[in-house]
Protein backbone atom coordinates (compact mmCIF):
# COMPACT_ATOMS: atom_id res chain seq x y z
CA UNK A 1 20.94 1.44 -18.86
CA UNK A 2 19.32 1.75 -22.34
CA UNK A 3 17.34 -1.38 -21.40
CA UNK A 4 16.30 0.08 -18.16
CA UNK A 5 15.19 3.17 -19.74
CA UNK A 6 13.28 1.41 -22.19
CA UNK A 7 11.64 -0.56 -19.48
CA UNK A 8 10.91 2.31 -17.38
CA UNK A 9 9.08 3.93 -20.55
CA UNK A 10 7.09 0.87 -21.01
CA UNK A 11 5.97 0.80 -17.34
CA UNK A 12 4.96 4.47 -17.56
CA UNK A 13 2.85 3.71 -20.67
CA UNK A 14 1.22 0.67 -19.61
CA UNK A 15 1.26 1.24 -15.82
CA UNK A 16 -1.72 -0.33 -14.13
CA UNK A 17 -2.85 -2.46 -16.91
CA UNK A 18 0.29 -4.30 -16.80
CA UNK A 19 -0.06 -4.95 -13.04
CA UNK A 20 -3.60 -5.89 -13.46
CA UNK A 21 -2.97 -8.55 -15.92
CA UNK A 22 -0.30 -10.32 -14.08
CA UNK A 23 -2.27 -9.96 -10.62
CA UNK A 24 -5.31 -11.48 -12.49
CA UNK A 25 -3.12 -14.52 -13.40
CA UNK A 26 -1.76 -14.67 -9.77
CA UNK A 27 -5.44 -14.39 -8.45
CA UNK A 28 -6.36 -17.51 -10.55
CA UNK A 29 -3.23 -19.32 -9.34
CA UNK A 30 -4.23 -18.57 -5.73
CA UNK A 31 -7.79 -19.30 -5.74
CA UNK A 32 -8.17 -22.11 -8.29
CA UNK A 33 -5.01 -24.03 -9.07
CA UNK A 34 -3.18 -23.92 -5.60
CA UNK A 35 -6.33 -25.17 -3.66
CA UNK A 36 -6.97 -27.95 -6.37
CA UNK A 37 -3.18 -28.99 -6.06
CA UNK A 38 -3.40 -29.09 -2.35
CA UNK A 39 -6.36 -31.36 -2.46
CA UNK A 40 -4.90 -33.54 -4.87
CA UNK A 41 -1.77 -33.87 -2.81
CA UNK A 42 -3.71 -34.45 0.43
CA UNK A 43 -5.82 -37.26 -1.29
CA UNK A 44 -2.58 -39.06 -2.60
CA UNK A 45 -0.80 -38.99 0.61
CA UNK A 46 -3.90 -40.10 2.54
CA UNK A 47 -4.19 -43.40 0.14
CA UNK A 48 -0.54 -44.18 1.39
CA UNK A 49 -1.54 -43.29 5.03
CA UNK A 50 1.53 -40.81 5.04
CA UNK A 51 0.62 -37.28 6.25
CA UNK A 52 3.64 -35.63 4.63
CA UNK A 53 6.76 -36.77 2.56
CA UNK A 54 10.07 -36.72 4.60
CA UNK A 55 13.48 -38.30 4.49
CA UNK A 56 12.53 -40.63 7.01
CA UNK A 57 9.37 -42.14 4.95
CA UNK A 58 10.50 -41.55 1.28
CA UNK A 59 11.93 -45.15 1.01
CA UNK A 60 8.72 -46.68 2.46
CA UNK A 61 6.71 -44.48 0.03
CA UNK A 62 8.78 -45.77 -2.98
CA UNK A 63 8.88 -49.32 -2.06
CA UNK A 64 5.18 -49.89 -0.83
CA UNK A 65 3.33 -47.28 -2.99
CA UNK A 66 4.76 -46.89 -6.42
CA UNK A 67 1.67 -45.81 -7.95
CA UNK A 68 1.40 -42.91 -5.32
CA UNK A 69 4.91 -41.89 -6.22
CA UNK A 70 4.14 -41.83 -9.93
CA UNK A 71 0.88 -39.65 -9.32
CA UNK A 72 2.87 -37.38 -7.14
CA UNK A 73 5.53 -37.05 -9.98
CA UNK A 74 2.63 -36.18 -12.31
CA UNK A 75 1.40 -33.72 -10.12
CA UNK A 76 4.82 -32.03 -10.19
CA UNK A 77 5.05 -32.03 -13.85
CA UNK A 78 1.52 -30.32 -13.94
CA UNK A 79 2.66 -27.74 -11.60
CA UNK A 80 5.62 -27.11 -13.98
CA UNK A 81 3.40 -26.86 -16.92
CA UNK A 82 0.90 -24.47 -15.09
CA UNK A 83 3.70 -22.21 -14.30
CA UNK A 84 5.11 -22.28 -17.94
CA UNK A 85 1.64 -21.61 -19.05
CA UNK A 86 1.26 -18.74 -16.61
CA UNK A 87 4.48 -17.25 -17.94
CA UNK A 88 3.54 -17.83 -21.57
CA UNK A 89 -0.16 -16.24 -21.13
CA UNK A 90 1.29 -13.31 -19.22
CA UNK A 91 3.85 -12.48 -21.78
CA UNK A 92 1.41 -12.77 -24.65
CA UNK A 93 -0.87 -9.97 -22.96
CA UNK A 94 2.01 -7.84 -21.92
CA UNK A 95 3.12 -7.82 -25.73
CA UNK A 96 -0.19 -6.71 -26.72
CA UNK A 97 -0.35 -4.03 -24.14
CA UNK A 98 2.97 -2.63 -24.88
CA UNK A 99 2.01 -2.66 -28.73
CA UNK A 100 -1.26 -0.74 -27.85
CA UNK A 101 -3.39 -3.48 -29.35
CA UNK A 102 -4.73 -5.40 -26.31
CA UNK A 103 -8.26 -6.90 -26.36
CA UNK A 104 -9.33 -9.97 -24.26
CA UNK A 105 -10.43 -11.68 -27.54
CA UNK A 106 -6.88 -10.99 -29.26
CA UNK A 107 -5.17 -12.02 -25.99
CA UNK A 108 -7.11 -15.44 -25.89
CA UNK A 109 -6.13 -15.96 -29.79
CA UNK A 110 -2.40 -15.18 -29.17
CA UNK A 111 -2.28 -17.54 -26.23
CA UNK A 112 -3.87 -20.25 -28.06
CA UNK A 113 -1.43 -19.49 -30.99
CA UNK A 114 1.53 -19.50 -28.75
CA UNK A 115 0.68 -23.07 -27.37
CA UNK A 116 0.02 -24.29 -30.91
CA UNK A 117 3.29 -23.16 -32.09
CA UNK A 118 5.17 -24.38 -29.10
CA UNK A 119 4.89 -28.02 -29.66
CA UNK A 120 6.73 -30.56 -27.38
CA UNK A 121 10.03 -29.61 -28.37
CA UNK A 122 9.43 -25.99 -27.29
CA UNK A 123 7.61 -27.24 -24.05
CA UNK A 124 10.80 -29.22 -23.16
CA UNK A 125 12.81 -26.11 -23.78
CA UNK A 126 10.80 -24.38 -21.09
CA UNK A 127 12.13 -26.92 -18.47
CA UNK A 128 15.66 -25.63 -18.07
CA UNK A 129 14.32 -22.05 -18.20
CA UNK A 130 12.18 -22.55 -15.30
CA UNK A 131 14.77 -24.25 -13.31
CA UNK A 132 17.07 -21.23 -13.73
CA UNK A 133 14.30 -18.73 -13.06
CA UNK A 134 12.52 -20.28 -10.10
CA UNK A 135 15.04 -19.45 -7.29
CA UNK A 136 15.72 -15.99 -8.68
CA UNK A 137 11.95 -15.26 -9.03
CA UNK A 138 10.79 -16.95 -5.87
CA UNK A 139 13.49 -14.94 -3.77
CA UNK A 140 12.62 -11.67 -5.41
CA UNK A 141 8.79 -11.68 -5.87
CA UNK A 142 7.15 -14.75 -4.27
CA UNK A 143 4.25 -15.39 -6.55
CA UNK A 144 1.68 -17.80 -5.66
CA UNK A 145 2.82 -20.66 -7.89
CA UNK A 146 6.30 -20.19 -7.24
CA UNK A 147 5.86 -20.48 -3.60
CA UNK A 148 3.89 -23.69 -3.84
CA UNK A 149 6.95 -25.50 -5.62
CA UNK A 150 9.61 -24.28 -3.35
CA UNK A 151 11.69 -27.15 -1.84
CA UNK A 152 10.51 -28.17 1.70
CA UNK A 153 12.83 -27.72 4.68
CA UNK A 154 13.61 -31.27 4.97
CA UNK A 155 14.94 -31.51 1.38
CA UNK A 156 17.26 -28.45 1.87
CA UNK A 157 18.27 -29.86 5.09
CA UNK A 158 19.05 -33.28 3.53
CA UNK A 159 20.84 -31.89 0.73
CA UNK A 160 22.95 -29.61 2.73
CA UNK A 161 24.38 -32.60 4.77
CA UNK A 162 25.42 -34.42 1.72
CA UNK A 163 27.91 -32.27 -0.22
CA UNK A 164 28.02 -35.02 -3.23
CA UNK A 165 24.20 -34.16 -3.69
CA UNK A 166 24.80 -30.32 -3.26
CA UNK A 167 27.61 -30.47 -5.88
CA UNK A 168 25.14 -32.50 -8.25
CA UNK A 169 22.45 -29.75 -7.89
CA UNK A 170 24.87 -27.06 -8.49
CA UNK A 171 26.09 -28.93 -11.68
CA UNK A 172 22.47 -29.47 -12.87
CA UNK A 173 21.56 -25.74 -12.31
CA UNK A 174 24.94 -24.83 -14.29
CA UNK A 175 23.89 -26.94 -17.17
CA UNK A 176 20.27 -25.70 -17.46
CA UNK A 177 21.97 -22.08 -17.23
CA UNK A 178 24.19 -22.99 -20.17
CA UNK A 179 21.04 -24.33 -22.16
CA UNK A 180 19.12 -21.14 -21.46
CA UNK A 181 22.23 -18.89 -22.44
CA UNK A 182 22.52 -20.95 -25.73
CA UNK A 183 18.88 -20.75 -26.47
CA UNK A 184 18.11 -17.06 -25.62
CA UNK A 185 21.78 -15.51 -25.76
CA UNK A 186 23.81 -14.05 -22.98
CA UNK A 187 22.60 -10.61 -23.76
CA UNK A 188 18.93 -11.63 -23.23
CA UNK A 189 19.82 -13.28 -20.02
CA UNK A 190 21.92 -10.44 -18.63
CA UNK A 191 19.01 -8.17 -19.51
CA UNK A 192 16.56 -10.09 -17.66
CA UNK A 193 18.59 -10.77 -14.59
CA UNK A 194 19.46 -6.92 -14.49
CA UNK A 195 15.89 -6.04 -14.58
CA UNK A 196 14.83 -8.68 -12.12
CA UNK A 197 17.50 -7.39 -9.68
CA UNK A 198 16.68 -3.90 -10.12
CA UNK A 199 12.85 -4.24 -9.42
CA UNK A 200 13.39 -6.98 -6.92
CA UNK A 201 15.48 -4.63 -4.92
CA UNK A 202 12.78 -2.18 -5.17
CA UNK A 203 10.35 -4.64 -3.86
CA UNK A 204 12.58 -5.64 -0.94
CA UNK A 205 13.13 -2.17 -0.16
CA UNK A 206 9.29 -1.54 0.40
CA UNK A 207 9.27 -4.95 2.40
CA UNK A 208 12.08 -3.31 4.70
CA UNK A 209 10.21 -0.01 5.07
CA UNK A 210 7.24 -2.14 6.03
CA UNK A 211 9.15 -4.09 8.54
CA UNK A 212 10.37 -0.88 10.36
CA UNK A 213 7.04 0.68 10.43
CA UNK A 214 5.60 -2.28 11.94
CA UNK A 215 8.36 -3.00 14.33
CA UNK A 216 7.06 -3.47 17.96
CA UNK A 217 3.57 -3.42 18.99
CA UNK A 218 2.09 -1.71 15.57
CA UNK A 219 -1.65 -1.39 15.41
CA UNK A 220 -3.35 -4.17 13.54
CA UNK A 221 -4.76 -1.82 10.85
CA UNK A 222 -1.05 -0.57 10.34
CA UNK A 223 0.44 -3.99 10.02
CA UNK A 224 -2.30 -5.15 7.54
CA UNK A 225 -1.93 -2.04 5.41
CA UNK A 226 1.82 -2.85 5.41
CA UNK A 227 1.43 -6.34 4.43
CA UNK A 228 -0.78 -5.35 1.55
CA UNK A 229 1.31 -2.83 0.24
CA UNK A 230 4.10 -5.15 0.25
CA UNK A 231 2.13 -7.75 -1.57
CA UNK A 232 1.25 -5.19 -4.29
CA UNK A 233 4.88 -3.77 -4.47
CA UNK A 234 6.02 -7.43 -5.42
CA UNK A 235 3.23 -7.78 -8.05
CA UNK A 236 4.09 -4.44 -9.45
CA UNK A 237 8.05 -5.36 -9.41
CA UNK A 238 7.04 -8.75 -11.28
CA UNK A 239 5.01 -7.03 -13.91
CA UNK A 240 7.50 -4.43 -14.39
CA UNK A 241 10.36 -6.96 -14.75
CA UNK A 242 7.96 -8.98 -17.30
CA UNK A 243 7.13 -5.82 -19.43
CA UNK A 244 11.05 -5.24 -19.80
CA UNK A 245 11.51 -8.57 -21.44
CA UNK A 246 8.67 -8.11 -23.84
CA UNK A 247 9.30 -4.41 -24.78
CA UNK A 248 11.32 -3.32 -28.01
CA UNK A 249 11.90 0.30 -29.12
CA UNK A 250 9.48 -0.34 -32.15
CA UNK A 251 6.63 -1.52 -29.79
CA UNK A 252 6.75 1.59 -27.44
CA UNK A 253 5.39 4.13 -29.78
CA UNK A 254 1.69 3.43 -29.24
CA UNK A 255 -0.75 5.57 -27.22
CA UNK A 256 -1.30 4.85 -23.65
CA UNK A 257 -4.23 2.73 -22.99
CA UNK A 258 -6.64 3.62 -20.19
CA UNK A 259 -8.50 0.67 -19.11
CA UNK A 260 -10.55 1.22 -15.78
CA UNK A 261 -11.03 -2.51 -15.27
CA UNK A 262 -7.49 -3.07 -14.28
CA UNK A 263 -8.13 -0.69 -11.40
CA UNK A 264 -11.11 -3.15 -10.43
CA UNK A 265 -8.53 -5.98 -10.48
CA UNK A 266 -6.21 -4.06 -8.07
CA UNK A 267 -9.08 -3.70 -5.78
CA UNK A 268 -10.01 -7.33 -6.10
CA UNK A 269 -6.45 -8.31 -5.69
CA UNK A 270 -6.39 -6.26 -2.39
CA UNK A 271 -9.45 -7.72 -0.90
CA UNK A 272 -8.39 -11.35 -1.86
CA UNK A 273 -5.32 -10.90 0.10
CA UNK A 274 -6.69 -9.34 3.22
CA UNK A 275 -8.38 -12.15 4.90
CA UNK A 276 -5.29 -14.44 4.95
CA UNK A 277 -3.20 -11.28 6.23
CA UNK A 278 -5.88 -10.61 8.71
CA UNK A 279 -5.68 -14.05 9.96
CA UNK A 280 -1.72 -13.96 10.17
CA UNK A 281 -1.70 -10.95 12.17
CA UNK A 282 -4.64 -11.87 14.51
CA UNK A 283 -4.03 -15.46 15.40
CA UNK A 284 -2.45 -15.99 18.61
CA UNK A 285 0.09 -18.82 18.45
CA UNK A 286 0.88 -21.05 21.36
CA UNK A 287 4.22 -21.31 22.68
CA UNK A 288 6.46 -23.53 20.53
CA UNK A 289 7.47 -26.90 21.91
CA UNK A 290 11.20 -27.76 21.80
CA UNK A 291 12.20 -31.01 20.92
CA UNK A 292 15.75 -32.49 21.23
CA UNK A 293 16.53 -34.36 18.14
CA UNK A 294 18.58 -37.43 18.81
CA UNK A 295 18.72 -36.27 22.57
CA UNK A 296 21.59 -33.61 21.56
CA UNK A 297 21.85 -29.99 21.99
CA UNK A 298 23.86 -28.96 18.85
CA UNK A 299 27.01 -31.31 19.14
CA UNK A 300 27.15 -31.80 22.86
CA UNK A 301 27.80 -35.58 22.92
CA UNK A 302 27.00 -38.78 21.52
CA UNK A 303 23.41 -39.21 20.11
CA UNK A 304 20.97 -40.95 22.08
CA UNK A 305 23.38 -41.90 25.02
CA UNK A 306 22.22 -41.32 28.68
CA UNK A 307 25.28 -38.85 29.29
CA UNK A 308 24.17 -36.55 26.74
CA UNK A 309 20.67 -36.76 27.60
CA UNK A 310 21.48 -35.53 31.07
CA UNK A 311 23.61 -32.72 29.61
CA UNK A 312 20.73 -31.62 27.21
CA UNK A 313 18.12 -31.74 29.94
CA UNK A 314 20.54 -29.46 32.19
CA UNK A 315 21.29 -27.20 29.41
CA UNK A 316 18.23 -26.70 27.02
CA UNK A 317 15.40 -28.25 29.21
CA UNK A 318 13.64 -29.53 26.00
CA UNK A 319 9.96 -30.43 26.20
CA UNK A 320 10.44 -33.64 24.51
CA UNK A 321 13.35 -35.91 23.49
CA UNK A 322 13.39 -37.61 20.04
CA UNK A 323 14.91 -41.15 20.17
CA UNK A 324 15.15 -43.96 17.66
CA UNK A 325 14.61 -47.77 18.69
CA UNK A 326 16.11 -50.66 16.59
CA UNK A 327 15.68 -54.33 17.04
CA UNK A 328 18.86 -56.37 17.21
CA UNK A 329 19.64 -59.85 15.57
CA UNK A 330 18.88 -61.46 18.87
CA UNK A 331 15.62 -59.72 18.93
CA UNK A 332 16.50 -56.98 21.74
CA UNK A 333 15.94 -53.34 21.36
CA UNK A 334 18.68 -50.43 21.32
CA UNK A 335 18.40 -46.98 21.16
CA UNK A 336 20.43 -45.63 18.25
CA UNK A 337 19.73 -43.11 15.46
CA UNK A 338 21.28 -44.45 12.33
CA UNK A 339 20.15 -46.95 9.80
CA UNK A 340 23.90 -47.77 9.60
CA UNK A 341 26.57 -47.63 12.35
CA UNK A 342 29.40 -46.58 9.98
CA UNK A 343 29.27 -42.96 11.07
CA UNK A 344 28.86 -43.59 14.65
CA UNK A 345 31.23 -46.40 15.33
CA UNK A 346 33.18 -47.06 11.91
CA UNK A 347 31.52 -50.53 11.74
CA UNK A 348 29.54 -50.80 8.28
CA UNK A 349 26.60 -52.75 9.65
CA UNK A 350 22.95 -52.17 10.46
CA UNK A 351 21.70 -52.62 14.28
CA UNK A 352 19.50 -55.53 13.13
CA UNK A 353 22.66 -57.14 11.82
CA UNK A 354 24.44 -57.58 15.21
CA UNK A 355 23.36 -58.89 18.42
CA UNK A 356 23.06 -56.96 21.72
CA UNK A 357 26.23 -58.30 22.98
CA UNK A 358 28.15 -57.14 19.80
CA UNK A 359 26.53 -53.74 19.94
CA UNK A 360 27.48 -53.21 23.53
CA UNK A 361 31.10 -53.67 22.49
CA UNK A 362 31.17 -51.05 19.80
CA UNK A 363 32.78 -47.72 20.82
CA UNK A 364 31.65 -44.28 19.27
CA UNK A 365 34.41 -42.48 17.31
CA UNK A 366 35.10 -38.90 17.40
CA UNK A 367 32.74 -37.90 14.71
CA UNK A 368 29.72 -39.16 16.65
CA UNK A 369 29.05 -35.81 18.24
CA UNK A 370 28.50 -34.24 14.72
CA UNK A 371 25.16 -33.90 12.77
CA UNK A 372 24.07 -37.24 11.00
């Protein structure tokens, strides 16, 4: 409770200036770093003639384009470095605001000194902190850089289907959390988490009100206003949380700073968000196509079998059916999903290792109707 009172005191004193500082950094991320990173990713994938990375083509990418893979990994490291730099720059500015000593020259000098003092050991120490903070901050605040480093849906789907990888991921996260607690102390981590949950809940409450107001056929101007209010609320919540992490009782005694250019940043932030919000609200999307993966509808039969194709067609009427074709050892073709037949039939062989006659004698086991 004492930490929250101190946080509210800092927010009341710094007010719009803290929002302006955090929002200005997010504007730089949105309009400079994010487009550059997307261009680099598009260029690298174009060199490998791959439109996107997925479980289906990741092995091909690793074996045929190792240099592209290395470049993509370097890009991931650059994104993490930019995220860490954004946090460092934001905290340096917020400390000066809370202390009542902010100036742009002083801010730049403080950032430069922080980077010089950080060193490579300090930079490596940021990695577990970012790993711990990313899922929490992404869920609660959705800032531009955090949105761009979220895990793609296919990665999450792949992990959730393999318990060993999920357990490994949880263990890695737990190790990073242990390192962060040892580095910062449990008290500071608990204080940071408490403030993040407090302000994140406030931001989600604003989003909930916006959803209720815009429910149904709301006018476009009202829906647009709601989106903008929700985005500003998220930035305010993020800046308020950050202020709570840098404020101390000794640093809250300075006079309140009135700086009109922070109001200008608020206006710029709103107008910068408006075009994408308008496009989102006014673009008419075509009706989505449905594709039956492996020909099944849920777990209604053996994947890619004629019986399940008929059943899926009668029940779901998909626009398309996705099927996988493999060549056999005697240069025939069979329709089967998996690269290995163990899950489908219990035989630990690939389709290309068996002849068509051998394959037709295999019988699907009871687990064949489950997801692969």
